[in-house]
Amino acid sequence: MTSNSKPTWLSEDQRDICSRLST
């Protein structure tokens, strides 16, 4: 899998949570 736009240690779910926390 390619992880160019997003880190490998962050799944889509984690990214979503991170985004909500950053809001």
PDB file of N, CA and C in Angstrom:
ATOM      1  N   MET A   1       0.844  -1.198   0.000  1.00  0.00           N
ATOM      2  CA  MET A   1       0.000   0.000   0.000  1.00  0.00           C
ATOM      3  C   MET A   1       0.877   1.245   0.000  1.00  0.00           C
ATOM      4  N   THR A   2       0.364   2.304  -0.546  1.00  0.00           N
ATOM      5  CA  THR A   2       1.152   3.533  -0.620  1.00  0.00           C
ATOM      6  C   THR A   2       0.725   4.534   0.436  1.00  0.00           C
ATOM      7  N   SER A   3       1.679   5.060   1.145  1.00  0.00           N
ATOM      8  CA  SER A   3       1.359   6.035   2.195  1.00  0.00           C
ATOM      9  C   SER A   3       2.051   7.358   1.885  1.00  0.00           C
ATOM     10  N   ASN A   4       1.601   8.000   0.844  1.00  0.00           N
ATOM     11  CA  ASN A   4       2.214   9.266   0.446  1.00  0.00           C
ATOM     12  C   ASN A   4       1.487  10.457   1.056  1.00  0.00           C
ATOM     13  N   SER A   5       0.188  10.381   1.056  1.00  0.00           N
ATOM     14  CA  SER A   5      -0.599  11.512   1.553  1.00  0.00           C
ATOM     15  C   SER A   5      -0.856  11.391   3.050  1.00  0.00           C
ATOM     16  N   LYS A   6      -0.783  10.152   3.552  1.00  0.00           N
ATOM     17  CA  LYS A   6      -1.038   9.953   4.972  1.00  0.00           C
ATOM     18  C   LYS A   6      -0.005   9.009   5.574  1.00  0.00           C
ATOM     19  N   PRO A   7       0.348   9.218   6.824  1.00  0.00           N
ATOM     20  CA  PRO A   7       1.326   8.392   7.525  1.00  0.00           C
ATOM     21  C   PRO A   7       0.845   6.945   7.635  1.00  0.00           C
ATOM     22  N   THR A   8       1.774   6.028   7.699  1.00  0.00           N
ATOM     23  CA  THR A   8       1.429   4.615   7.779  1.00  0.00           C
ATOM     24  C   THR A   8       0.881   4.271   9.154  1.00  0.00           C
ATOM     25  N   TRP A   9       1.322   4.976  10.151  1.00  0.00           N
ATOM     26  CA  TRP A   9       0.897   4.675  11.527  1.00  0.00           C
ATOM     27  C   TRP A   9      -0.465   5.286  11.836  1.00  0.00           C
ATOM     28  N   LEU A  10      -1.059   5.924  10.812  1.00  0.00           N
ATOM     29  CA  LEU A  10      -2.391   6.491  11.016  1.00  0.00           C
ATOM     30  C   LEU A  10      -3.378   5.883  10.038  1.00  0.00           C
ATOM     31  N   SER A  11      -4.335   5.172  10.565  1.00  0.00           N
ATOM     32  CA  SER A  11      -5.372   4.616   9.708  1.00  0.00           C
ATOM     33  C   SER A  11      -6.417   5.682   9.427  1.00  0.00           C
ATOM     34  N   GLU A  12      -7.307   5.399   8.509  1.00  0.00           N
ATOM     35  CA  GLU A  12      -8.328   6.397   8.155  1.00  0.00           C
ATOM     36  C   GLU A  12      -9.177   6.755   9.358  1.00  0.00           C
ATOM     37  N   ASP A  13      -9.460   5.759  10.177  1.00  0.00           N
ATOM     38  CA  ASP A  13     -10.267   6.009  11.375  1.00  0.00           C
ATOM     39  C   ASP A  13      -9.531   6.946  12.319  1.00  0.00           C
ATOM     40  N   GLN A  14      -8.257   6.667  12.510  1.00  0.00           N
ATOM     41  CA  GLN A  14      -7.464   7.500  13.407  1.00  0.00           C
ATOM     42  C   GLN A  14      -7.341   8.909  12.855  1.00  0.00           C
ATOM     43  N   ARG A  15      -7.239   8.996  11.538  1.00  0.00           N
ATOM     44  CA  ARG A  15      -7.138  10.323  10.910  1.00  0.00           C
ATOM     45  C   ARG A  15      -8.411  11.111  11.163  1.00  0.00           C
ATOM     46  N   ASP A  16      -9.527  10.423  11.059  1.00  0.00           N
ATOM     47  CA  ASP A  16     -10.820  11.074  11.278  1.00  0.00           C
ATOM     48  C   ASP A  16     -10.912  11.580  12.717  1.00  0.00           C
ATOM     49  N   ILE A  17     -10.501  10.732  13.641  1.00  0.00           N
ATOM     50  CA  ILE A  17     -10.524  11.119  15.053  1.00  0.00           C
ATOM     51  C   ILE A  17      -9.579  12.292  15.289  1.00  0.00           C
ATOM     52  N   CYS A  18      -8.420  12.213  14.696  1.00  0.00           N
ATOM     53  CA  CYS A  18      -7.433  13.279  14.849  1.00  0.00           C
ATOM     54  C   CYS A  18      -7.995  14.594  14.318  1.00  0.00           C
ATOM     55  N   SER A  19      -8.677  14.519  13.211  1.00  0.00           N
ATOM     56  CA  SER A  19      -9.256  15.722  12.616  1.00  0.00           C
ATOM     57  C   SER A  19     -10.302  16.319  13.531  1.00  0.00           C
ATOM     58  N   ARG A  20     -11.108  15.462  14.134  1.00  0.00           N
ATOM     59  CA  ARG A  20     -12.153  15.950  15.030  1.00  0.00           C
ATOM     60  C   ARG A  20     -11.534  16.578  16.271  1.00  0.00           C
ATOM     61  N   LEU A  21     -10.432  16.017  16.713  1.00  0.00           N
ATOM     62  CA  LEU A  21      -9.765  16.556  17.900  1.00  0.00           C
ATOM     63  C   LEU A  21      -9.107  17.891  17.572  1.00  0.00           C
ATOM     64  N   SER A  22      -8.683  18.025  16.334  1.00  0.00           N
ATOM     65  CA  SER A  22      -8.005  19.253  15.926  1.00  0.00           C
ATOM     66  C   SER A  22      -8.994  20.385  15.699  1.00  0.00           C
ATOM     67  N   THR A  23     -10.235  20.024  15.534  1.00  0.00           N
ATOM     68  CA  THR A  23     -11.255  21.034  15.263  1.00  0.00           C
ATOM     69  C   THR A  23     -11.447  21.931  16.472  1.00  0.00           C
TER      70      THR A  23
END
